[in-house]
Amino acid sequence: MKKCDAIFKVLEDAGQPLHYTVIAYTIKDQNLYQSASQNWNRAVNSDCSKIVRSKEANSSERGLYRHSRGFYGLSKWKRIKKHEAIRMVLKDADRPLSVEEITDAMQIRGLYYTTSKNPVNAVGADLSKIIRVEEERGAEPWVYRESPGVYGLTEWKKEKNSDP
């Protein structure tokens, strides 16, 4: 098996982005590829990086993307932007949700993957930032804070106000 085939197999089996050192150790542990290189981890990182940069590989099912520093995943897993995922979850719920509910729904649906120790805080911070940045621009944010830790889509607030 070629080294890049081994990388894809390890990621496919894991089902989630992995750090290149985990990929390297798994390849070695499962005897998927034999290498005499002393810097095996670096070699795997370099190969993953080359695959990411390869336009041909990323236009097909057989590509990688850089999830975060040192982490790689299969291109078919590439997530949408966090803001788009939040909007999608809120729209589907059709009611304001707590930050915990938003985060859980995003993770269950595979819209959000993080290495953060506290993803709920990360999503909450993003929601606050969305509101702050839009207000600083003088625009109306697409999301509003209904109560501490609970958010909804601004379009719902408008609909509620326009009902007789």
C-alpha atoms as a PDB file:
ATOM      1  CA  MET A   1       0.000   0.000   0.000  1.00  0.00           C
ATOM      2  CA  LYS A   2       1.260   3.483  -0.841  1.00  0.00           C
ATOM      3  CA  LYS A   3       1.748   6.009   1.935  1.00  0.00           C
ATOM      4  CA  CYS A   4      -1.066   8.271   0.718  1.00  0.00           C
ATOM      5  CA  ASP A   5      -3.423   5.273   0.514  1.00  0.00           C
ATOM      6  CA  ALA A   6      -2.527   4.466   4.121  1.00  0.00           C
ATOM      7  CA  ILE A   7      -3.277   8.076   5.155  1.00  0.00           C
ATOM      8  CA  PHE A   8      -6.710   7.910   3.512  1.00  0.00           C
ATOM      9  CA  LYS A   9      -7.453   4.520   5.106  1.00  0.00           C
ATOM     10  CA  VAL A  10      -6.581   5.747   8.602  1.00  0.00           C
ATOM     11  CA  LEU A  11      -8.751   8.850   8.209  1.00  0.00           C
ATOM     12  CA  GLU A  12     -11.628   6.875   6.694  1.00  0.00           C
ATOM     13  CA  ASP A  13     -11.508   4.383   9.587  1.00  0.00           C
ATOM     14  CA  ALA A  14     -11.361   7.193  12.170  1.00  0.00           C
ATOM     15  CA  GLY A  15     -14.299   9.047  10.655  1.00  0.00           C
ATOM     16  CA  GLN A  16     -13.001  12.413  11.846  1.00  0.00           C
ATOM     17  CA  PRO A  17     -10.020  14.730  11.334  1.00  0.00           C
ATOM     18  CA  LEU A  18      -6.839  13.558  13.050  1.00  0.00           C
ATOM     19  CA  HIS A  19      -3.521  15.099  14.001  1.00  0.00           C
ATOM     20  CA  TYR A  20      -0.718  13.996  11.698  1.00  0.00           C
ATOM     21  CA  THR A  21       1.107  12.280  14.577  1.00  0.00           C
ATOM     22  CA  VAL A  22      -1.953  10.112  15.239  1.00  0.00           C
ATOM     23  CA  ILE A  23      -2.155   9.298  11.532  1.00  0.00           C
ATOM     24  CA  ALA A  24       1.548   8.381  11.488  1.00  0.00           C
ATOM     25  CA  TYR A  25       1.392   6.158  14.582  1.00  0.00           C
ATOM     26  CA  THR A  26      -1.744   4.408  13.336  1.00  0.00           C
ATOM     27  CA  ILE A  27      -0.134   3.674   9.980  1.00  0.00           C
ATOM     28  CA  LYS A  28       2.874   2.182  11.774  1.00  0.00           C
ATOM     29  CA  ASP A  29       0.788   0.254  14.332  1.00  0.00           C
ATOM     30  CA  GLN A  30      -1.387  -1.295  11.624  1.00  0.00           C
ATOM     31  CA  ASN A  31       1.625  -1.988   9.366  1.00  0.00           C
ATOM     32  CA  LEU A  32      -0.062  -0.181   6.490  1.00  0.00           C
ATOM     33  CA  TYR A  33       3.211   1.248   5.201  1.00  0.00           C
ATOM     34  CA  GLN A  34       6.830   0.543   6.034  1.00  0.00           C
ATOM     35  CA  SER A  35       9.311   3.381   6.149  1.00  0.00           C
ATOM     36  CA  ALA A  36      12.910   3.622   7.248  1.00  0.00           C
ATOM     37  CA  SER A  37      12.553   7.356   7.816  1.00  0.00           C
ATOM     38  CA  GLN A  38      13.591   8.564  11.253  1.00  0.00           C
ATOM     39  CA  ASN A  39      11.278  11.550  10.920  1.00  0.00           C
ATOM     40  CA  TRP A  40       8.198   9.489  10.111  1.00  0.00           C
ATOM     41  CA  ASN A  41       5.756  11.998  11.657  1.00  0.00           C
ATOM     42  CA  ARG A  42       7.214  14.845   9.606  1.00  0.00           C
ATOM     43  CA  ALA A  43       7.053  12.738   6.450  1.00  0.00           C
ATOM     44  CA  VAL A  44       3.352  12.069   7.015  1.00  0.00           C
ATOM     45  CA  ASN A  45       2.707  15.761   7.753  1.00  0.00           C
ATOM     46  CA  SER A  46       4.540  16.709   4.564  1.00  0.00           C
ATOM     47  CA  ASP A  47       2.539  14.211   2.506  1.00  0.00           C
ATOM     48  CA  CYS A  48      -0.762  15.419   3.978  1.00  0.00           C
ATOM     49  CA  SER A  49       0.238  18.990   3.200  1.00  0.00           C
ATOM     50  CA  LYS A  50       1.096  18.071  -0.411  1.00  0.00           C
ATOM     51  CA  ILE A  51      -2.263  16.349  -0.849  1.00  0.00           C
ATOM     52  CA  VAL A  52      -4.072  19.429   0.523  1.00  0.00           C
ATOM     53  CA  ARG A  53      -2.226  21.699  -1.930  1.00  0.00           C
ATOM     54  CA  SER A  54      -2.893  19.387  -4.865  1.00  0.00           C
ATOM     55  CA  LYS A  55      -5.757  20.947  -6.847  1.00  0.00           C
ATOM     56  CA  GLU A  56      -6.403  17.695  -8.682  1.00  0.00           C
ATOM     57  CA  ALA A  57      -6.804  15.711  -5.457  1.00  0.00           C
ATOM     58  CA  ASN A  58      -9.128  18.242  -3.863  1.00  0.00           C
ATOM     59  CA  SER A  59     -11.418  18.427  -6.855  1.00  0.00           C
ATOM     60  CA  SER A  60     -12.141  14.730  -6.417  1.00  0.00           C
ATOM     61  CA  GLU A  61     -13.468  12.612  -3.580  1.00  0.00           C
ATOM     62  CA  ARG A  62      -9.898  11.682  -2.764  1.00  0.00           C
ATOM     63  CA  GLY A  63      -8.601  14.862  -1.222  1.00  0.00           C
ATOM     64  CA  LEU A  64      -7.662  16.193   2.188  1.00  0.00           C
ATOM     65  CA  TYR A  65      -8.328  19.488   3.862  1.00  0.00           C
ATOM     66  CA  ARG A  66      -6.488  21.142   6.725  1.00  0.00           C
ATOM     67  CA  HIS A  67      -8.954  21.183   9.592  1.00  0.00           C
ATOM     68  CA  SER A  68      -6.715  23.122  11.958  1.00  0.00           C
ATOM     69  CA  ARG A  69      -3.014  23.296  12.697  1.00  0.00           C
ATOM     70  CA  GLY A  70      -1.635  19.765  12.250  1.00  0.00           C
ATOM     71  CA  PHE A  71      -5.101  18.221  11.800  1.00  0.00           C
ATOM     72  CA  TYR A  72      -6.227  16.757   8.489  1.00  0.00           C
ATOM     73  CA  GLY A  73      -9.541  15.355   7.320  1.00  0.00           C
ATOM     74  CA  LEU A  74     -11.045  13.941   4.146  1.00  0.00           C
ATOM     75  CA  SER A  75     -12.329  16.581   1.721  1.00  0.00           C
ATOM     76  CA  LYS A  76     -15.775  15.019   1.743  1.00  0.00           C
ATOM     77  CA  TRP A  77     -16.029  15.940   5.455  1.00  0.00           C
ATOM     78  CA  LYS A  78     -15.241  19.587   4.962  1.00  0.00           C
ATOM     79  CA  ARG A  79     -17.614  21.558   7.088  1.00  0.00           C
ATOM     80  CA  ILE A  80     -19.556  24.644   6.255  1.00  0.00           C
ATOM     81  CA  LYS A  81     -18.677  27.828   8.104  1.00  0.00           C
ATOM     82  CA  LYS A  82     -19.744  27.882  11.729  1.00  0.00           C
ATOM     83  CA  HIS A  83     -22.033  30.887  11.182  1.00  0.00           C
ATOM     84  CA  GLU A  84     -23.832  29.072   8.358  1.00  0.00           C
ATOM     85  CA  ALA A  85     -24.239  26.001  10.567  1.00  0.00           C
ATOM     86  CA  ILE A  86     -25.698  28.106  13.397  1.00  0.00           C
ATOM     87  CA  ARG A  87     -28.160  29.749  11.025  1.00  0.00           C
ATOM     88  CA  MET A  88     -29.151  26.357   9.569  1.00  0.00           C
ATOM     89  CA  VAL A  89     -29.771  24.840  13.024  1.00  0.00           C
ATOM     90  CA  LEU A  90     -31.846  27.814  14.179  1.00  0.00           C
ATOM     91  CA  LYS A  91     -33.854  27.881  10.964  1.00  0.00           C
ATOM     92  CA  ASP A  92     -34.621  24.147  11.217  1.00  0.00           C
ATOM     93  CA  ALA A  93     -35.606  24.446  14.898  1.00  0.00           C
ATOM     94  CA  ASP A  94     -37.961  27.329  14.073  1.00  0.00           C
ATOM     95  CA  ARG A  95     -37.580  28.649  17.622  1.00  0.00           C
ATOM     96  CA  PRO A  96     -34.879  30.284  19.732  1.00  0.00           C
ATOM     97  CA  LEU A  97     -32.360  27.801  21.142  1.00  0.00           C
ATOM     98  CA  SER A  98     -29.837  27.795  23.934  1.00  0.00           C
ATOM     99  CA  VAL A  99     -26.158  27.777  23.019  1.00  0.00           C
ATOM    100  CA  GLU A 100     -25.980  24.170  24.275  1.00  0.00           C
ATOM    101  CA  GLU A 101     -28.848  23.110  21.994  1.00  0.00           C
ATOM    102  CA  ILE A 102     -27.275  24.874  19.009  1.00  0.00           C
ATOM    103  CA  THR A 103     -23.879  23.263  19.649  1.00  0.00           C
ATOM    104  CA  ASP A 104     -25.361  19.790  20.170  1.00  0.00           C
ATOM    105  CA  ALA A 105     -27.472  20.031  17.009  1.00  0.00           C
ATOM    106  CA  MET A 106     -24.465  21.188  14.971  1.00  0.00           C
ATOM    107  CA  GLN A 107     -22.319  18.309  16.250  1.00  0.00           C
ATOM    108  CA  ILE A 108     -25.031  15.657  15.858  1.00  0.00           C
ATOM    109  CA  ARG A 109     -25.655  16.736  12.263  1.00  0.00           C
ATOM    110  CA  GLY A 110     -21.927  16.768  11.529  1.00  0.00           C
ATOM    111  CA  LEU A 111     -21.890  20.482  10.791  1.00  0.00           C
ATOM    112  CA  TYR A 112     -19.327  21.322  13.434  1.00  0.00           C
ATOM    113  CA  TYR A 113     -16.199  19.609  14.642  1.00  0.00           C
ATOM    114  CA  THR A 114     -13.832  21.212  17.077  1.00  0.00           C
ATOM    115  CA  THR A 115     -10.839  20.349  19.165  1.00  0.00           C
ATOM    116  CA  SER A 116     -11.928  22.972  21.699  1.00  0.00           C
ATOM    117  CA  LYS A 117     -12.237  21.792  25.288  1.00  0.00           C
ATOM    118  CA  ASN A 118     -15.500  23.700  25.600  1.00  0.00           C
ATOM    119  CA  PRO A 119     -17.333  23.936  22.256  1.00  0.00           C
ATOM    120  CA  VAL A 120     -20.408  25.488  23.884  1.00  0.00           C
ATOM    121  CA  ASN A 121     -18.329  28.481  25.008  1.00  0.00           C
ATOM    122  CA  ALA A 122     -16.800  28.751  21.515  1.00  0.00           C
ATOM    123  CA  VAL A 123     -20.243  28.854  19.854  1.00  0.00           C
ATOM    124  CA  GLY A 124     -21.529  31.321  22.479  1.00  0.00           C
ATOM    125  CA  ALA A 125     -18.554  33.602  21.856  1.00  0.00           C
ATOM    126  CA  ASP A 126     -19.173  33.403  18.107  1.00  0.00           C
ATOM    127  CA  LEU A 127     -22.824  34.354  18.532  1.00  0.00           C
ATOM    128  CA  SER A 128     -21.885  37.356  20.681  1.00  0.00           C
ATOM    129  CA  LYS A 129     -19.245  38.364  18.150  1.00  0.00           C
ATOM    130  CA  ILE A 130     -21.717  38.137  15.246  1.00  0.00           C
ATOM    131  CA  ILE A 131     -24.064  40.516  17.032  1.00  0.00           C
ATOM    132  CA  ARG A 132     -21.291  42.919  18.118  1.00  0.00           C
ATOM    133  CA  VAL A 133     -19.620  43.106  14.679  1.00  0.00           C
ATOM    134  CA  GLU A 134     -22.886  43.643  12.806  1.00  0.00           C
ATOM    135  CA  GLU A 135     -23.964  46.373  15.228  1.00  0.00           C
ATOM    136  CA  GLU A 136     -20.564  48.089  14.928  1.00  0.00           C
ATOM    137  CA  ARG A 137     -21.063  48.123  11.153  1.00  0.00           C
ATOM    138  CA  GLY A 138     -24.453  49.729  11.624  1.00  0.00           C
ATOM    139  CA  ALA A 139     -26.234  46.680  10.223  1.00  0.00           C
ATOM    140  CA  GLU A 140     -28.888  44.601  11.876  1.00  0.00           C
ATOM    141  CA  PRO A 141     -27.478  41.221  12.966  1.00  0.00           C
ATOM    142  CA  TRP A 142     -29.193  38.127  11.545  1.00  0.00           C
ATOM    143  CA  VAL A 143     -29.285  36.660  15.051  1.00  0.00           C
ATOM    144  CA  TYR A 144     -30.520  38.184  18.307  1.00  0.00           C
ATOM    145  CA  ARG A 145     -30.107  37.376  22.000  1.00  0.00           C
ATOM    146  CA  GLU A 146     -33.504  36.555  23.440  1.00  0.00           C
ATOM    147  CA  SER A 147     -32.174  35.982  26.950  1.00  0.00           C
ATOM    148  CA  PRO A 148     -28.768  35.085  28.377  1.00  0.00           C
ATOM    149  CA  GLY A 149     -27.514  32.069  26.434  1.00  0.00           C
ATOM    150  CA  VAL A 150     -30.594  31.859  24.169  1.00  0.00           C
ATOM    151  CA  TYR A 151     -30.516  33.038  20.546  1.00  0.00           C
ATOM    152  CA  GLY A 152     -32.956  33.283  17.671  1.00  0.00           C
ATOM    153  CA  LEU A 153     -33.112  34.572  14.118  1.00  0.00           C
ATOM    154  CA  THR A 154     -33.861  38.291  13.770  1.00  0.00           C
ATOM    155  CA  GLU A 155     -36.469  37.507  11.106  1.00  0.00           C
ATOM    156  CA  TRP A 156     -38.596  35.812  13.825  1.00  0.00           C
ATOM    157  CA  LYS A 157     -38.473  38.945  15.963  1.00  0.00           C
ATOM    158  CA  LYS A 158     -39.684  40.997  12.989  1.00  0.00           C
ATOM    159  CA  GLU A 159     -42.510  38.515  12.279  1.00  0.00           C
ATOM    160  CA  LYS A 160     -43.588  38.601  15.936  1.00  0.00           C
ATOM    161  CA  ASN A 161     -43.700  42.413  15.909  1.00  0.00           C
ATOM    162  CA  SER A 162     -45.699  42.565  12.674  1.00  0.00           C
ATOM    163  CA  ASP A 163     -48.419  40.158  13.884  1.00  0.00           C
ATOM    164  CA  PRO A 164     -51.630  41.997  14.952  1.00  0.00           C
END
